[in-house]
Amino acid sequence: MEKAFVVQRVARKLFATERSLDATMTETAELMAEFVKARQDLKLSAVVGDAATAKVIEALAALGEARSAIVAAHAELNDVRLRIGVRTKMAGWEDKPPEEPKGSADRDLRQVG
């Protein structure tokens, strides 16, 4: 089988995994917000459901770590793609942001205007 097709197959799964993690993180954050709103609507003490709230926060943190790991894997797989000689990139409906030069993440963000 041609390398480019194998790489595309892996890329599809990688992108699907990234989208799935983002969706799961969104749902989990919305669940957390719903917990807080429900407690407030029912005029319950902050201690009610505290253990469940802590577990959801723990789950969200774990999802964040999983997402970071998948993003790192994505970068590693891109290097593998180049090392095995596949220069084409998978085109699709999903636009990626332009790559930032190394070190640009360390710059301060300031409001202008």
C-alpha atoms as a PDB file:
ATOM      1  CA  MET A   1       0.000   0.000   0.000  1.00  0.00           C
ATOM      2  CA  GLU A   2       1.285   3.482  -0.823  1.00  0.00           C
ATOM      3  CA  LYS A   3       2.699   5.358   2.184  1.00  0.00           C
ATOM      4  CA  ALA A   4       0.642   8.490   1.513  1.00  0.00           C
ATOM      5  CA  PHE A   5      -2.623   6.530   1.835  1.00  0.00           C
ATOM      6  CA  VAL A   6      -1.512   4.922   5.086  1.00  0.00           C
ATOM      7  CA  VAL A   7      -0.509   8.341   6.443  1.00  0.00           C
ATOM      8  CA  GLN A   8      -3.896   9.754   5.433  1.00  0.00           C
ATOM      9  CA  ARG A   9      -5.666   6.909   7.234  1.00  0.00           C
ATOM     10  CA  VAL A  10      -3.745   7.647  10.431  1.00  0.00           C
ATOM     11  CA  ALA A  11      -4.311  11.407  10.000  1.00  0.00           C
ATOM     12  CA  ARG A  12      -8.087  10.893   9.746  1.00  0.00           C
ATOM     13  CA  LYS A  13      -8.087   8.981  13.040  1.00  0.00           C
ATOM     14  CA  LEU A  14      -5.854  11.575  14.666  1.00  0.00           C
ATOM     15  CA  PHE A  15      -8.130  14.446  13.615  1.00  0.00           C
ATOM     16  CA  ALA A  16     -11.205  12.498  14.766  1.00  0.00           C
ATOM     17  CA  THR A  17      -9.557  11.891  18.140  1.00  0.00           C
ATOM     18  CA  GLU A  18      -8.725  15.593  18.502  1.00  0.00           C
ATOM     19  CA  ARG A  19     -12.306  16.589  17.651  1.00  0.00           C
ATOM     20  CA  SER A  20     -13.670  13.970  20.041  1.00  0.00           C
ATOM     21  CA  LEU A  21     -11.539  15.225  22.921  1.00  0.00           C
ATOM     22  CA  ASP A  22     -12.592  18.824  22.238  1.00  0.00           C
ATOM     23  CA  ALA A  23     -16.257  17.799  22.197  1.00  0.00           C
ATOM     24  CA  THR A  24     -15.877  15.796  25.395  1.00  0.00           C
ATOM     25  CA  MET A  25     -14.133  18.686  27.127  1.00  0.00           C
ATOM     26  CA  THR A  26     -16.942  21.006  26.050  1.00  0.00           C
ATOM     27  CA  GLU A  27     -19.621  18.632  27.339  1.00  0.00           C
ATOM     28  CA  THR A  28     -17.770  18.198  30.634  1.00  0.00           C
ATOM     29  CA  ALA A  29     -17.415  21.956  31.115  1.00  0.00           C
ATOM     30  CA  GLU A  30     -21.115  22.391  30.354  1.00  0.00           C
ATOM     31  CA  LEU A  31     -21.906  19.666  32.913  1.00  0.00           C
ATOM     32  CA  MET A  32     -19.880  21.589  35.499  1.00  0.00           C
ATOM     33  CA  ALA A  33     -21.779  24.782  34.701  1.00  0.00           C
ATOM     34  CA  GLU A  34     -25.076  22.894  34.978  1.00  0.00           C
ATOM     35  CA  PHE A  35     -24.059  21.570  38.424  1.00  0.00           C
ATOM     36  CA  VAL A  36     -23.440  25.101  39.660  1.00  0.00           C
ATOM     37  CA  LYS A  37     -26.630  26.476  38.124  1.00  0.00           C
ATOM     38  CA  ALA A  38     -28.749  23.620  39.513  1.00  0.00           C
ATOM     39  CA  ARG A  39     -27.342  24.123  43.002  1.00  0.00           C
ATOM     40  CA  GLN A  40     -28.054  27.856  42.807  1.00  0.00           C
ATOM     41  CA  ASP A  41     -31.554  27.340  41.346  1.00  0.00           C
ATOM     42  CA  LEU A  42     -32.393  24.954  44.188  1.00  0.00           C
ATOM     43  CA  LYS A  43     -30.791  27.317  46.724  1.00  0.00           C
ATOM     44  CA  LEU A  44     -28.547  24.562  48.050  1.00  0.00           C
ATOM     45  CA  SER A  45     -25.424  25.043  50.106  1.00  0.00           C
ATOM     46  CA  ALA A  46     -22.079  25.014  48.294  1.00  0.00           C
ATOM     47  CA  VAL A  47     -21.197  21.810  50.151  1.00  0.00           C
ATOM     48  CA  VAL A  48     -24.066  19.916  48.487  1.00  0.00           C
ATOM     49  CA  GLY A  49     -22.603  17.895  45.645  1.00  0.00           C
ATOM     50  CA  ASP A  50     -19.083  19.076  46.424  1.00  0.00           C
ATOM     51  CA  ALA A  51     -17.593  15.582  46.016  1.00  0.00           C
ATOM     52  CA  ALA A  52     -19.275  15.167  42.619  1.00  0.00           C
ATOM     53  CA  THR A  53     -18.102  18.623  41.565  1.00  0.00           C
ATOM     54  CA  ALA A  54     -14.534  17.747  42.519  1.00  0.00           C
ATOM     55  CA  LYS A  55     -14.739  14.546  40.459  1.00  0.00           C
ATOM     56  CA  VAL A  56     -15.973  16.424  37.384  1.00  0.00           C
ATOM     57  CA  ILE A  57     -13.154  18.949  37.773  1.00  0.00           C
ATOM     58  CA  GLU A  58     -10.717  16.041  38.084  1.00  0.00           C
ATOM     59  CA  ALA A  59     -12.145  14.507  34.914  1.00  0.00           C
ATOM     60  CA  LEU A  60     -11.828  17.809  33.048  1.00  0.00           C
ATOM     61  CA  ALA A  61      -8.186  18.111  34.119  1.00  0.00           C
ATOM     62  CA  ALA A  62      -7.531  14.558  32.899  1.00  0.00           C
ATOM     63  CA  LEU A  63      -9.157  15.401  29.575  1.00  0.00           C
ATOM     64  CA  GLY A  64      -6.903  18.450  29.315  1.00  0.00           C
ATOM     65  CA  GLU A  65      -3.859  16.246  29.860  1.00  0.00           C
ATOM     66  CA  ALA A  66      -5.137  13.767  27.270  1.00  0.00           C
ATOM     67  CA  ARG A  67      -5.651  16.572  24.765  1.00  0.00           C
ATOM     68  CA  SER A  68      -2.120  17.874  25.369  1.00  0.00           C
ATOM     69  CA  ALA A  69      -0.753  14.366  24.833  1.00  0.00           C
ATOM     70  CA  ILE A  70      -2.646  13.979  21.553  1.00  0.00           C
ATOM     71  CA  VAL A  71      -1.423  17.386  20.356  1.00  0.00           C
ATOM     72  CA  ALA A  72       2.150  16.307  21.171  1.00  0.00           C
ATOM     73  CA  ALA A  73       1.566  13.015  19.353  1.00  0.00           C
ATOM     74  CA  HIS A  74       0.305  15.000  16.358  1.00  0.00           C
ATOM     75  CA  ALA A  75       3.601  16.910  16.221  1.00  0.00           C
ATOM     76  CA  GLU A  76       5.599  13.691  16.557  1.00  0.00           C
ATOM     77  CA  LEU A  77       3.576  12.010  13.815  1.00  0.00           C
ATOM     78  CA  ASN A  78       4.189  14.975  11.531  1.00  0.00           C
ATOM     79  CA  ASP A  79       7.930  14.435  12.025  1.00  0.00           C
ATOM     80  CA  VAL A  80       7.504  10.710  11.281  1.00  0.00           C
ATOM     81  CA  ARG A  81       5.572  11.574   8.109  1.00  0.00           C
ATOM     82  CA  LEU A  82       8.466  13.679   6.892  1.00  0.00           C
ATOM     83  CA  ARG A  83      11.095  11.100   7.885  1.00  0.00           C
ATOM     84  CA  ILE A  84       9.366   8.366   5.890  1.00  0.00           C
ATOM     85  CA  GLY A  85       9.270  10.632   2.865  1.00  0.00           C
ATOM     86  CA  VAL A  86       5.599  11.657   2.712  1.00  0.00           C
ATOM     87  CA  ARG A  87       5.606  15.332   1.844  1.00  0.00           C
ATOM     88  CA  THR A  88       1.941  15.825   0.966  1.00  0.00           C
ATOM     89  CA  LYS A  89      -0.496  16.930   3.631  1.00  0.00           C
ATOM     90  CA  MET A  90      -3.998  15.615   3.997  1.00  0.00           C
ATOM     91  CA  ALA A  91      -6.439  18.216   2.710  1.00  0.00           C
ATOM     92  CA  GLY A  92      -9.837  18.448   4.260  1.00  0.00           C
ATOM     93  CA  TRP A  93     -12.598  20.710   5.435  1.00  0.00           C
ATOM     94  CA  GLU A  94     -10.833  21.585   8.639  1.00  0.00           C
ATOM     95  CA  ASP A  95      -8.571  24.627   8.343  1.00  0.00           C
ATOM     96  CA  LYS A  96      -5.611  24.764  10.646  1.00  0.00           C
ATOM     97  CA  PRO A  97      -4.280  27.991  12.082  1.00  0.00           C
ATOM     98  CA  PRO A  98      -0.958  29.133  10.651  1.00  0.00           C
ATOM     99  CA  GLU A  99       2.067  27.794  12.481  1.00  0.00           C
ATOM    100  CA  GLU A 100       3.694  30.263  14.843  1.00  0.00           C
ATOM    101  CA  PRO A 101       7.443  30.713  14.873  1.00  0.00           C
ATOM    102  CA  LYS A 102       9.178  29.000  17.785  1.00  0.00           C
ATOM    103  CA  GLY A 103       9.228  31.127  20.908  1.00  0.00           C
ATOM    104  CA  SER A 104       6.168  33.164  19.929  1.00  0.00           C
ATOM    105  CA  ALA A 105       4.089  31.462  22.628  1.00  0.00           C
ATOM    106  CA  ASP A 106       6.246  33.201  25.218  1.00  0.00           C
ATOM    107  CA  ARG A 107       5.239  36.701  24.077  1.00  0.00           C
ATOM    108  CA  ASP A 108       2.889  38.787  26.197  1.00  0.00           C
ATOM    109  CA  LEU A 109      -0.621  39.398  24.913  1.00  0.00           C
ATOM    110  CA  ARG A 110      -1.660  42.997  25.282  1.00  0.00           C
ATOM    111  CA  GLN A 111      -4.870  44.757  24.405  1.00  0.00           C
ATOM    112  CA  VAL A 112      -4.513  47.393  21.733  1.00  0.00           C
ATOM    113  CA  GLY A 113      -6.745  50.396  21.281  1.00  0.00           C
END
